[in-house]
PDB file of N, CA and C in Angstrom:
ATOM      1  N   UNK A   1     -22.803 -34.233  13.113  1.00  0.00           N
ATOM      2  CA  UNK A   1     -21.526 -33.683  13.495  1.00  0.00           C
ATOM      3  C   UNK A   1     -20.499 -33.808  12.385  1.00  0.00           C
ATOM      4  N   UNK A   2     -20.579 -34.869  11.637  1.00  0.00           N
ATOM      5  CA  UNK A   2     -19.611 -35.056  10.576  1.00  0.00           C
ATOM      6  C   UNK A   2     -19.745 -33.984   9.498  1.00  0.00           C
ATOM      7  N   UNK A   3     -20.972 -33.583   9.218  1.00  0.00           N
ATOM      8  CA  UNK A   3     -21.155 -32.552   8.197  1.00  0.00           C
ATOM      9  C   UNK A   3     -20.568 -31.222   8.647  1.00  0.00           C
ATOM     10  N   UNK A   4     -20.605 -30.946   9.957  1.00  0.00           N
ATOM     11  CA  UNK A   4     -19.999 -29.733  10.480  1.00  0.00           C
ATOM     12  C   UNK A   4     -18.496 -29.736  10.312  1.00  0.00           C
ATOM     13  N   UNK A   5     -17.907 -30.899  10.485  1.00  0.00           N
ATOM     14  CA  UNK A   5     -16.459 -31.004  10.311  1.00  0.00           C
ATOM     15  C   UNK A   5     -16.064 -30.826   8.851  1.00  0.00           C
ATOM     16  N   UNK A   6     -16.844 -31.369   7.963  1.00  0.00           N
ATOM     17  CA  UNK A   6     -16.532 -31.235   6.540  1.00  0.00           C
ATOM     18  C   UNK A   6     -16.622 -29.783   6.100  1.00  0.00           C
ATOM     19  N   UNK A   7     -17.667 -29.091   6.561  1.00  0.00           N
ATOM     20  CA  UNK A   7     -17.803 -27.696   6.167  1.00  0.00           C
ATOM     21  C   UNK A   7     -16.678 -26.850   6.761  1.00  0.00           C
ATOM     22  N   UNK A   8     -16.227 -27.197   7.959  1.00  0.00           N
ATOM     23  CA  UNK A   8     -15.115 -26.456   8.559  1.00  0.00           C
ATOM     24  C   UNK A   8     -13.835 -26.685   7.769  1.00  0.00           C
ATOM     25  N   UNK A   9     -13.636 -27.897   7.301  1.00  0.00           N
ATOM     26  CA  UNK A   9     -12.458 -28.184   6.499  1.00  0.00           C
ATOM     27  C   UNK A   9     -12.522 -27.471   5.157  1.00  0.00           C
ATOM     28  N   UNK A  10     -13.690 -27.405   4.571  1.00  0.00           N
ATOM     29  CA  UNK A  10     -13.827 -26.720   3.292  1.00  0.00           C
ATOM     30  C   UNK A  10     -13.565 -25.227   3.430  1.00  0.00           C
ATOM     31  N   UNK A  11     -14.097 -24.633   4.490  1.00  0.00           N
ATOM     32  CA  UNK A  11     -13.904 -23.193   4.663  1.00  0.00           C
ATOM     33  C   UNK A  11     -12.443 -22.860   4.951  1.00  0.00           C
ATOM     34  N   UNK A  12     -11.738 -23.774   5.598  1.00  0.00           N
ATOM     35  CA  UNK A  12     -10.327 -23.523   5.879  1.00  0.00           C
ATOM     36  C   UNK A  12      -9.486 -23.596   4.605  1.00  0.00           C
ATOM     37  N   UNK A  13      -9.900 -24.401   3.646  1.00  0.00           N
ATOM     38  CA  UNK A  13      -9.146 -24.566   2.411  1.00  0.00           C
ATOM     39  C   UNK A  13      -9.577 -23.600   1.312  1.00  0.00           C
ATOM     40  N   UNK A  14     -10.688 -22.928   1.507  1.00  0.00           N
ATOM     41  CA  UNK A  14     -11.200 -22.024   0.490  1.00  0.00           C
ATOM     42  C   UNK A  14     -10.268 -20.822   0.357  1.00  0.00           C
ATOM     43  N   UNK A  15      -9.784 -20.539  -0.848  1.00  0.00           N
ATOM     44  CA  UNK A  15      -8.891 -19.379  -1.007  1.00  0.00           C
ATOM     45  C   UNK A  15      -9.660 -18.068  -0.858  1.00  0.00           C
ATOM     46  N   UNK A  16      -8.963 -17.065  -0.419  1.00  0.00           N
ATOM     47  CA  UNK A  16      -9.564 -15.747  -0.260  1.00  0.00           C
ATOM     48  C   UNK A  16      -9.728 -15.124  -1.642  1.00  0.00           C
ATOM     49  N   UNK A  17     -10.935 -14.669  -1.928  1.00  0.00           N
ATOM     50  CA  UNK A  17     -11.199 -14.045  -3.220  1.00  0.00           C
ATOM     51  C   UNK A  17     -10.800 -12.572  -3.159  1.00  0.00           C
ATOM     52  N   UNK A  18      -9.932 -12.168  -4.063  1.00  0.00           N
ATOM     53  CA  UNK A  18      -9.479 -10.784  -4.122  1.00  0.00           C
ATOM     54  C   UNK A  18     -10.210 -10.121  -5.281  1.00  0.00           C
ATOM     55  N   UNK A  19     -11.032  -9.151  -4.957  1.00  0.00           N
ATOM     56  CA  UNK A  19     -11.792  -8.481  -6.003  1.00  0.00           C
ATOM     57  C   UNK A  19     -10.992  -7.319  -6.580  1.00  0.00           C
ATOM     58  N   UNK A  20     -11.313  -6.991  -7.808  1.00  0.00           N
ATOM     59  CA  UNK A  20     -10.638  -5.869  -8.467  1.00  0.00           C
ATOM     60  C   UNK A  20     -10.972  -4.557  -7.761  1.00  0.00           C
ATOM     61  N   UNK A  21     -12.169  -4.460  -7.224  1.00  0.00           N
ATOM     62  CA  UNK A  21     -12.561  -3.236  -6.519  1.00  0.00           C
ATOM     63  C   UNK A  21     -11.713  -3.032  -5.274  1.00  0.00           C
ATOM     64  N   UNK A  22     -11.438  -4.122  -4.567  1.00  0.00           N
ATOM     65  CA  UNK A  22     -10.613  -4.010  -3.356  1.00  0.00           C
ATOM     66  C   UNK A  22      -9.203  -3.549  -3.707  1.00  0.00           C
ATOM     67  N   UNK A  23      -8.659  -4.073  -4.784  1.00  0.00           N
ATOM     68  CA  UNK A  23      -7.318  -3.673  -5.211  1.00  0.00           C
ATOM     69  C   UNK A  23      -7.318  -2.206  -5.628  1.00  0.00           C
ATOM     70  N   UNK A  24      -8.341  -1.771  -6.353  1.00  0.00           N
ATOM     71  CA  UNK A  24      -8.426  -0.378  -6.790  1.00  0.00           C
ATOM     72  C   UNK A  24      -8.553   0.566  -5.600  1.00  0.00           C
ATOM     73  N   UNK A  25      -9.362   0.198  -4.620  1.00  0.00           N
ATOM     74  CA  UNK A  25      -9.533   1.029  -3.432  1.00  0.00           C
ATOM     75  C   UNK A  25      -8.226   1.093  -2.648  1.00  0.00           C
ATOM     76  N   UNK A  26      -7.545  -0.049  -2.532  1.00  0.00           N
ATOM     77  CA  UNK A  26      -6.272  -0.081  -1.805  1.00  0.00           C
ATOM     78  C   UNK A  26      -5.223   0.775  -2.514  1.00  0.00           C
ATOM     79  N   UNK A  27      -5.158   0.705  -3.839  1.00  0.00           N
ATOM     80  CA  UNK A  27      -4.198   1.527  -4.583  1.00  0.00           C
ATOM     81  C   UNK A  27      -4.504   3.014  -4.438  1.00  0.00           C
ATOM     82  N   UNK A  28      -5.780   3.362  -4.489  1.00  0.00           N
ATOM     83  CA  UNK A  28      -6.174   4.759  -4.323  1.00  0.00           C
ATOM     84  C   UNK A  28      -5.783   5.269  -2.937  1.00  0.00           C
ATOM     85  N   UNK A  29      -6.064   4.485  -1.916  1.00  0.00           N
ATOM     86  CA  UNK A  29      -5.701   4.886  -0.556  1.00  0.00           C
ATOM     87  C   UNK A  29      -4.189   4.945  -0.393  1.00  0.00           C
ATOM     88  N   UNK A  30      -3.469   3.983  -0.975  1.00  0.00           N
ATOM     89  CA  UNK A  30      -2.015   3.918  -0.837  1.00  0.00           C
ATOM     90  C   UNK A  30      -1.349   5.143  -1.449  1.00  0.00           C
ATOM     91  N   UNK A  31      -1.769   5.537  -2.644  1.00  0.00           N
ATOM     92  CA  UNK A  31      -1.155   6.711  -3.278  1.00  0.00           C
ATOM     93  C   UNK A  31      -1.500   7.986  -2.505  1.00  0.00           C
ATOM     94  N   UNK A  32      -2.732   8.095  -2.052  1.00  0.00           N
ATOM     95  CA  UNK A  32      -3.128   9.272  -1.279  1.00  0.00           C
ATOM     96  C   UNK A  32      -2.355   9.336   0.034  1.00  0.00           C
ATOM     97  N   UNK A  33      -2.196   8.204   0.693  1.00  0.00           N
ATOM     98  CA  UNK A  33      -1.449   8.141   1.944  1.00  0.00           C
ATOM     99  C   UNK A  33      -0.003   8.571   1.733  1.00  0.00           C
ATOM    100  N   UNK A  34       0.618   8.148   0.635  1.00  0.00           N
ATOM    101  CA  UNK A  34       2.007   8.512   0.375  1.00  0.00           C
ATOM    102  C   UNK A  34       2.156   9.990   0.023  1.00  0.00           C
ATOM    103  N   UNK A  35       1.168  10.569  -0.621  1.00  0.00           N
ATOM    104  CA  UNK A  35       1.198  12.013  -0.893  1.00  0.00           C
ATOM    105  C   UNK A  35       1.156  12.786   0.422  1.00  0.00           C
ATOM    106  N   UNK A  36       0.290  12.363   1.329  1.00  0.00           N
ATOM    107  CA  UNK A  36       0.182  13.019   2.630  1.00  0.00           C
ATOM    108  C   UNK A  36       1.472  12.841   3.424  1.00  0.00           C
ATOM    109  N   UNK A  37       2.060  11.648   3.378  1.00  0.00           N
ATOM    110  CA  UNK A  37       3.325  11.406   4.093  1.00  0.00           C
ATOM    111  C   UNK A  37       4.448  12.279   3.542  1.00  0.00           C
ATOM    112  N   UNK A  38       4.529  12.415   2.221  1.00  0.00           N
ATOM    113  CA  UNK A  38       5.567  13.253   1.627  1.00  0.00           C
ATOM    114  C   UNK A  38       5.383  14.714   2.022  1.00  0.00           C
ATOM    115  N   UNK A  39       4.142  15.178   2.000  1.00  0.00           N
ATOM    116  CA  UNK A  39       3.871  16.559   2.393  1.00  0.00           C
ATOM    117  C   UNK A  39       4.234  16.790   3.855  1.00  0.00           C
ATOM    118  N   UNK A  40       3.865  15.855   4.721  1.00  0.00           N
ATOM    119  CA  UNK A  40       4.199  15.980   6.140  1.00  0.00           C
ATOM    120  C   UNK A  40       5.708  15.951   6.352  1.00  0.00           C
ATOM    121  N   UNK A  41       6.407  15.095   5.619  1.00  0.00           N
ATOM    122  CA  UNK A  41       7.869  15.023   5.756  1.00  0.00           C
ATOM    123  C   UNK A  41       8.523  16.309   5.280  1.00  0.00           C
ATOM    124  N   UNK A  42       8.028  16.871   4.205  1.00  0.00           N
ATOM    125  CA  UNK A  42       8.592  18.116   3.683  1.00  0.00           C
ATOM    126  C   UNK A  42       8.370  19.259   4.669  1.00  0.00           C
ATOM    127  N   UNK A  43       7.159  19.354   5.192  1.00  0.00           N
ATOM    128  CA  UNK A  43       6.888  20.399   6.181  1.00  0.00           C
ATOM    129  C   UNK A  43       7.723  20.206   7.438  1.00  0.00           C
ATOM    130  N   UNK A  44       7.820  18.974   7.925  1.00  0.00           N
ATOM    131  CA  UNK A  44       8.591  18.719   9.143  1.00  0.00           C
ATOM    132  C   UNK A  44      10.065  19.024   8.924  1.00  0.00           C
ATOM    133  N   UNK A  45      10.578  18.674   7.758  1.00  0.00           N
ATOM    134  CA  UNK A  45      11.996  18.890   7.497  1.00  0.00           C
ATOM    135  C   UNK A  45      12.375  20.330   7.237  1.00  0.00           C
ATOM    136  N   UNK A  46      11.454  21.114   6.737  1.00  0.00           N
ATOM    137  CA  UNK A  46      11.794  22.498   6.384  1.00  0.00           C
ATOM    138  C   UNK A  46      11.290  23.537   7.384  1.00  0.00           C
ATOM    139  N   UNK A  47      10.246  23.239   8.130  1.00  0.00           N
ATOM    140  CA  UNK A  47       9.671  24.235   9.029  1.00  0.00           C
ATOM    141  C   UNK A  47      10.074  24.057  10.486  1.00  0.00           C
ATOM    142  N   UNK A  48      10.593  22.902  10.848  1.00  0.00           N
ATOM    143  CA  UNK A  48      11.012  22.669  12.226  1.00  0.00           C
ATOM    144  C   UNK A  48      12.512  22.915  12.306  1.00  0.00           C
ATOM    145  N   UNK A  49      12.942  24.032  12.922  1.00  0.00           N
ATOM    146  CA  UNK A  49      14.355  24.452  12.858  1.00  0.00           C
ATOM    147  C   UNK A  49      15.406  23.400  13.240  1.00  0.00           C
ATOM    148  N   UNK A  50      15.194  22.584  14.275  1.00  0.00           N
ATOM    149  CA  UNK A  50      16.251  21.594  14.579  1.00  0.00           C
ATOM    150  C   UNK A  50      16.424  20.530  13.487  1.00  0.00           C
ATOM    151  N   UNK A  51      15.424  20.334  12.651  1.00  0.00           N
ATOM    152  CA  UNK A  51      15.512  19.309  11.615  1.00  0.00           C
ATOM    153  C   UNK A  51      16.019  19.832  10.274  1.00  0.00           C
ATOM    154  N   UNK A  52      16.160  21.139  10.142  1.00  0.00           N
ATOM    155  CA  UNK A  52      16.573  21.725   8.862  1.00  0.00           C
ATOM    156  C   UNK A  52      17.904  21.153   8.353  1.00  0.00           C
ATOM    157  N   UNK A  53      18.932  20.977   9.201  1.00  0.00           N
ATOM    158  CA  UNK A  53      20.174  20.404   8.665  1.00  0.00           C
ATOM    159  C   UNK A  53      20.028  18.955   8.194  1.00  0.00           C
ATOM    160  N   UNK A  54      19.001  18.277   8.670  1.00  0.00           N
ATOM    161  CA  UNK A  54      18.806  16.858   8.331  1.00  0.00           C
ATOM    162  C   UNK A  54      17.566  16.645   7.460  1.00  0.00           C
ATOM    163  N   UNK A  55      17.192  17.641   6.687  1.00  0.00           N
ATOM    164  CA  UNK A  55      15.954  17.583   5.913  1.00  0.00           C
ATOM    165  C   UNK A  55      15.912  16.379   4.981  1.00  0.00           C
ATOM    166  N   UNK A  56      16.999  16.124   4.272  1.00  0.00           N
ATOM    167  CA  UNK A  56      17.017  14.993   3.337  1.00  0.00           C
ATOM    168  C   UNK A  56      16.806  13.664   4.030  1.00  0.00           C
ATOM    169  N   UNK A  57      17.427  13.497   5.180  1.00  0.00           N
ATOM    170  CA  UNK A  57      17.281  12.243   5.931  1.00  0.00           C
ATOM    171  C   UNK A  57      15.865  12.122   6.495  1.00  0.00           C
ATOM    172  N   UNK A  58      15.322  13.231   6.986  1.00  0.00           N
ATOM    173  CA  UNK A  58      13.964  13.207   7.540  1.00  0.00           C
ATOM    174  C   UNK A  58      12.961  12.821   6.459  1.00  0.00           C
ATOM    175  N   UNK A  59      13.076  13.434   5.289  1.00  0.00           N
ATOM    176  CA  UNK A  59      12.142  13.124   4.203  1.00  0.00           C
ATOM    177  C   UNK A  59      12.309  11.675   3.759  1.00  0.00           C
ATOM    178  N   UNK A  60      13.548  11.209   3.631  1.00  0.00           N
ATOM    179  CA  UNK A  60      13.775   9.827   3.194  1.00  0.00           C
ATOM    180  C   UNK A  60      13.238   8.820   4.211  1.00  0.00           C
ATOM    181  N   UNK A  61      13.453   9.071   5.479  1.00  0.00           N
ATOM    182  CA  UNK A  61      12.977   8.135   6.509  1.00  0.00           C
ATOM    183  C   UNK A  61      11.453   8.105   6.582  1.00  0.00           C
ATOM    184  N   UNK A  62      10.836   9.275   6.530  1.00  0.00           N
ATOM    185  CA  UNK A  62       9.374   9.302   6.591  1.00  0.00           C
ATOM    186  C   UNK A  62       8.755   8.682   5.345  1.00  0.00           C
ATOM    187  N   UNK A  63       9.388   8.848   4.189  1.00  0.00           N
ATOM    188  CA  UNK A  63       8.866   8.226   2.974  1.00  0.00           C
ATOM    189  C   UNK A  63       9.033   6.712   3.016  1.00  0.00           C
ATOM    190  N   UNK A  64      10.156   6.237   3.543  1.00  0.00           N
ATOM    191  CA  UNK A  64      10.347   4.787   3.683  1.00  0.00           C
ATOM    192  C   UNK A  64       9.301   4.208   4.635  1.00  0.00           C
ATOM    193  N   UNK A  65       9.040   4.925   5.727  1.00  0.00           N
ATOM    194  CA  UNK A  65       8.020   4.499   6.663  1.00  0.00           C
ATOM    195  C   UNK A  65       6.650   4.477   5.985  1.00  0.00           C
ATOM    196  N   UNK A  66       6.356   5.493   5.187  1.00  0.00           N
ATOM    197  CA  UNK A  66       5.072   5.554   4.497  1.00  0.00           C
ATOM    198  C   UNK A  66       4.921   4.481   3.437  1.00  0.00           C
ATOM    199  N   UNK A  67       6.002   4.192   2.700  1.00  0.00           N
ATOM    200  CA  UNK A  67       5.923   3.174   1.657  1.00  0.00           C
ATOM    201  C   UNK A  67       5.731   1.782   2.247  1.00  0.00           C
ATOM    202  N   UNK A  68       6.434   1.489   3.328  1.00  0.00           N
ATOM    203  CA  UNK A  68       6.336   0.165   3.942  1.00  0.00           C
ATOM    204  C   UNK A  68       5.081   0.049   4.806  1.00  0.00           C
ATOM    205  N   UNK A  69       4.805   1.062   5.592  1.00  0.00           N
ATOM    206  CA  UNK A  69       3.655   1.011   6.490  1.00  0.00           C
ATOM    207  C   UNK A  69       2.323   1.229   5.810  1.00  0.00           C
ATOM    208  N   UNK A  70       2.344   1.841   4.651  1.00  0.00           N
ATOM    209  CA  UNK A  70       1.096   2.116   3.952  1.00  0.00           C
ATOM    210  C   UNK A  70       0.479   0.911   3.272  1.00  0.00           C
ATOM    211  N   UNK A  71       1.274  -0.075   2.920  1.00  0.00           N
ATOM    212  CA  UNK A  71       0.747  -1.258   2.236  1.00  0.00           C
ATOM    213  C   UNK A  71      -0.267  -2.028   3.076  1.00  0.00           C
ATOM    214  N   UNK A  72       0.091  -2.472   4.285  1.00  0.00           N
ATOM    215  CA  UNK A  72      -0.916  -3.199   5.057  1.00  0.00           C
ATOM    216  C   UNK A  72      -2.097  -2.324   5.466  1.00  0.00           C
ATOM    217  N   UNK A  73      -1.836  -1.052   5.685  1.00  0.00           N
ATOM    218  CA  UNK A  73      -2.916  -0.139   6.039  1.00  0.00           C
ATOM    219  C   UNK A  73      -3.903   0.015   4.881  1.00  0.00           C
ATOM    220  N   UNK A  74      -3.384   0.171   3.673  1.00  0.00           N
ATOM    221  CA  UNK A  74      -4.257   0.299   2.501  1.00  0.00           C
ATOM    222  C   UNK A  74      -5.047  -0.980   2.258  1.00  0.00           C
ATOM    223  N   UNK A  75      -4.416  -2.121   2.442  1.00  0.00           N
ATOM    224  CA  UNK A  75      -5.101  -3.393   2.236  1.00  0.00           C
ATOM    225  C   UNK A  75      -6.209  -3.582   3.268  1.00  0.00           C
ATOM    226  N   UNK A  76      -5.966  -3.154   4.511  1.00  0.00           N
ATOM    227  CA  UNK A  76      -6.983  -3.252   5.555  1.00  0.00           C
ATOM    228  C   UNK A  76      -8.158  -2.323   5.265  1.00  0.00           C
ATOM    229  N   UNK A  77      -7.873  -1.138   4.746  1.00  0.00           N
ATOM    230  CA  UNK A  77      -8.956  -0.209   4.400  1.00  0.00           C
ATOM    231  C   UNK A  77      -9.793  -0.790   3.268  1.00  0.00           C
ATOM    232  N   UNK A  78      -9.145  -1.391   2.276  1.00  0.00           N
ATOM    233  CA  UNK A  78      -9.887  -2.003   1.177  1.00  0.00           C
ATOM    234  C   UNK A  78     -10.761  -3.150   1.641  1.00  0.00           C
ATOM    235  N   UNK A  79     -10.321  -3.877   2.647  1.00  0.00           N
ATOM    236  CA  UNK A  79     -11.093  -4.996   3.176  1.00  0.00           C
ATOM    237  C   UNK A  79     -12.226  -4.523   4.076  1.00  0.00           C
ATOM    238  N   UNK A  80     -12.035  -3.421   4.773  1.00  0.00           N
ATOM    239  CA  UNK A  80     -13.004  -2.956   5.763  1.00  0.00           C
ATOM    240  C   UNK A  80     -14.204  -2.238   5.155  1.00  0.00           C
ATOM    241  N   UNK A  81     -14.146  -1.899   3.886  1.00  0.00           N
ATOM    242  CA  UNK A  81     -15.254  -1.169   3.277  1.00  0.00           C
ATOM    243  C   UNK A  81     -16.477  -2.066   3.123  1.00  0.00           C
ATOM    244  N   UNK A  82     -17.657  -1.479   2.958  1.00  0.00           N
ATOM    245  CA  UNK A  82     -18.878  -2.278   2.860  1.00  0.00           C
ATOM    246  C   UNK A  82     -18.811  -3.295   1.728  1.00  0.00           C
ATOM    247  N   UNK A  83     -19.547  -4.379   1.895  1.00  0.00           N
ATOM    248  CA  UNK A  83     -19.555  -5.473   0.931  1.00  0.00           C
ATOM    249  C   UNK A  83     -20.080  -5.004  -0.435  1.00  0.00           C
ATOM    250  N   UNK A  84     -20.922  -3.984  -0.460  1.00  0.00           N
ATOM    251  CA  UNK A  84     -21.468  -3.486  -1.730  1.00  0.00           C
ATOM    252  C   UNK A  84     -20.377  -2.922  -2.631  1.00  0.00           C
ATOM    253  N   UNK A  85     -19.320  -2.419  -2.065  1.00  0.00           N
ATOM    254  CA  UNK A  85     -18.258  -1.809  -2.852  1.00  0.00           C
ATOM    255  C   UNK A  85     -17.322  -2.836  -3.463  1.00  0.00           C
ATOM    256  N   UNK A  86     -17.447  -4.098  -3.068  1.00  0.00           N
ATOM    257  CA  UNK A  86     -16.541  -5.122  -3.565  1.00  0.00           C
ATOM    258  C   UNK A  86     -17.029  -5.765  -4.857  1.00  0.00           C
ATOM    259  N   UNK A  87     -18.204  -5.403  -5.321  1.00  0.00           N
ATOM    260  CA  UNK A  87     -18.702  -5.937  -6.584  1.00  0.00           C
ATOM    261  C   UNK A  87     -17.939  -5.329  -7.753  1.00  0.00           C
ATOM    262  N   UNK A  88     -18.221  -5.829  -8.927  1.00  0.00           N
ATOM    263  CA  UNK A  88     -17.535  -5.301 -10.107  1.00  0.00           C
ATOM    264  C   UNK A  88     -17.921  -3.860 -10.392  1.00  0.00           C
ATOM    265  N   UNK A  89     -16.972  -3.119 -10.878  1.00  0.00           N
ATOM    266  CA  UNK A  89     -17.237  -1.734 -11.242  1.00  0.00           C
ATOM    267  C   UNK A  89     -17.767  -1.719 -12.675  1.00  0.00           C
ATOM    268  N   UNK A  90     -18.935  -1.158 -12.847  1.00  0.00           N
ATOM    269  CA  UNK A  90     -19.568  -1.133 -14.158  1.00  0.00           C
ATOM    270  C   UNK A  90     -19.788   0.319 -14.562  1.00  0.00           C
ATOM    271  N   UNK A  91     -19.312   0.662 -15.743  1.00  0.00           N
ATOM    272  CA  UNK A  91     -19.535   2.017 -16.256  1.00  0.00           C
ATOM    273  C   UNK A  91     -20.905   2.040 -16.935  1.00  0.00           C
ATOM    274  N   UNK A  92     -21.740   2.926 -16.473  1.00  0.00           N
ATOM    275  CA  UNK A  92     -23.079   3.050 -17.041  1.00  0.00           C
ATOM    276  C   UNK A  92     -23.317   4.489 -17.466  1.00  0.00           C
ATOM    277  N   UNK A  93     -24.183   4.633 -18.449  1.00  0.00           N
ATOM    278  CA  UNK A  93     -24.558   5.974 -18.877  1.00  0.00           C
ATOM    279  C   UNK A  93     -25.486   6.573 -17.832  1.00  0.00           C
ATOM    280  N   UNK A  94     -25.313   7.840 -17.594  1.00  0.00           N
ATOM    281  CA  UNK A  94     -26.145   8.533 -16.626  1.00  0.00           C
ATOM    282  C   UNK A  94     -27.593   8.554 -17.105  1.00  0.00           C
ATOM    283  N   UNK A  95     -28.554   8.376 -16.179  1.00  0.00           N
ATOM    284  CA  UNK A  95     -29.951   8.460 -16.591  1.00  0.00           C
ATOM    285  C   UNK A  95     -30.348   9.872 -17.016  1.00  0.00           C
ATOM    286  N   UNK A  96     -29.533  10.873 -16.669  1.00  0.00           N
ATOM    287  CA  UNK A  96     -29.820  12.237 -17.049  1.00  0.00           C
ATOM    288  C   UNK A  96     -29.286  12.595 -18.435  1.00  0.00           C
ATOM    289  N   UNK A  97     -28.460  11.718 -18.997  1.00  0.00           N
ATOM    290  CA  UNK A  97     -27.877  12.001 -20.307  1.00  0.00           C
ATOM    291  C   UNK A  97     -28.939  11.853 -21.393  1.00  0.00           C
ATOM    292  N   UNK A  98     -28.871  12.716 -22.372  1.00  0.00           N
ATOM    293  CA  UNK A  98     -29.837  12.691 -23.469  1.00  0.00           C
ATOM    294  C   UNK A  98     -29.307  11.796 -24.588  1.00  0.00           C
ATOM    295  N   UNK A  99     -30.254  11.301 -25.348  1.00  0.00           N
ATOM    296  CA  UNK A  99     -29.888  10.529 -26.534  1.00  0.00           C
ATOM    297  C   UNK A  99     -29.327  11.510 -27.574  1.00  0.00           C
ATOM    298  N   UNK A 100     -28.391  11.060 -28.409  1.00  0.00           N
ATOM    299  CA  UNK A 100     -27.884  11.965 -29.448  1.00  0.00           C
ATOM    300  C   UNK A 100     -29.008  12.359 -30.417  1.00  0.00           C
ATOM    301  N   UNK A 101     -29.008  13.626 -30.794  1.00  0.00           N
ATOM    302  CA  UNK A 101     -30.063  14.134 -31.679  1.00  0.00           C
ATOM    303  C   UNK A 101     -29.907  13.619 -33.094  1.00  0.00           C
ATOM    304  N   UNK A 102     -28.693  13.350 -33.513  1.00  0.00           N
ATOM    305  CA  UNK A 102     -28.465  12.845 -34.866  1.00  0.00           C
ATOM    306  C   UNK A 102     -27.278  11.898 -34.839  1.00  0.00           C
ATOM    307  N   UNK A 103     -27.198  11.089 -35.853  1.00  0.00           N
ATOM    308  CA  UNK A 103     -26.091  10.152 -35.921  1.00  0.00           C
ATOM    309  C   UNK A 103     -24.904  10.838 -36.561  1.00  0.00           C
ATOM    310  N   UNK A 104     -23.748  10.530 -36.105  1.00  0.00           N
ATOM    311  CA  UNK A 104     -22.528  11.139 -36.635  1.00  0.00           C
ATOM    312  C   UNK A 104     -21.809  10.156 -37.496  1.00  0.00           C
TER     313      UNK A 104
END
């Protein structure tokens, strides 16, 4: 029983490892989410007649909502992806690429 308690204490103190892949995925999702929010705000502000006089406020409010609300959403998406995607990103040459015919 004592060993179970020690392992529980260790796991509670272990810091969460943040991988570069998770950060990259979260940034990609965050920027894409904000592009979609801006487009939706622009369409809502310009195409919905009652909102036309308040277009600037509508766009600003929806963008503020997207900037603040998109952060935790993007971080959750980065965490929810399969464990295989959290490894390091390695650039490799394609197996279909040919060797150079001559040296330059």
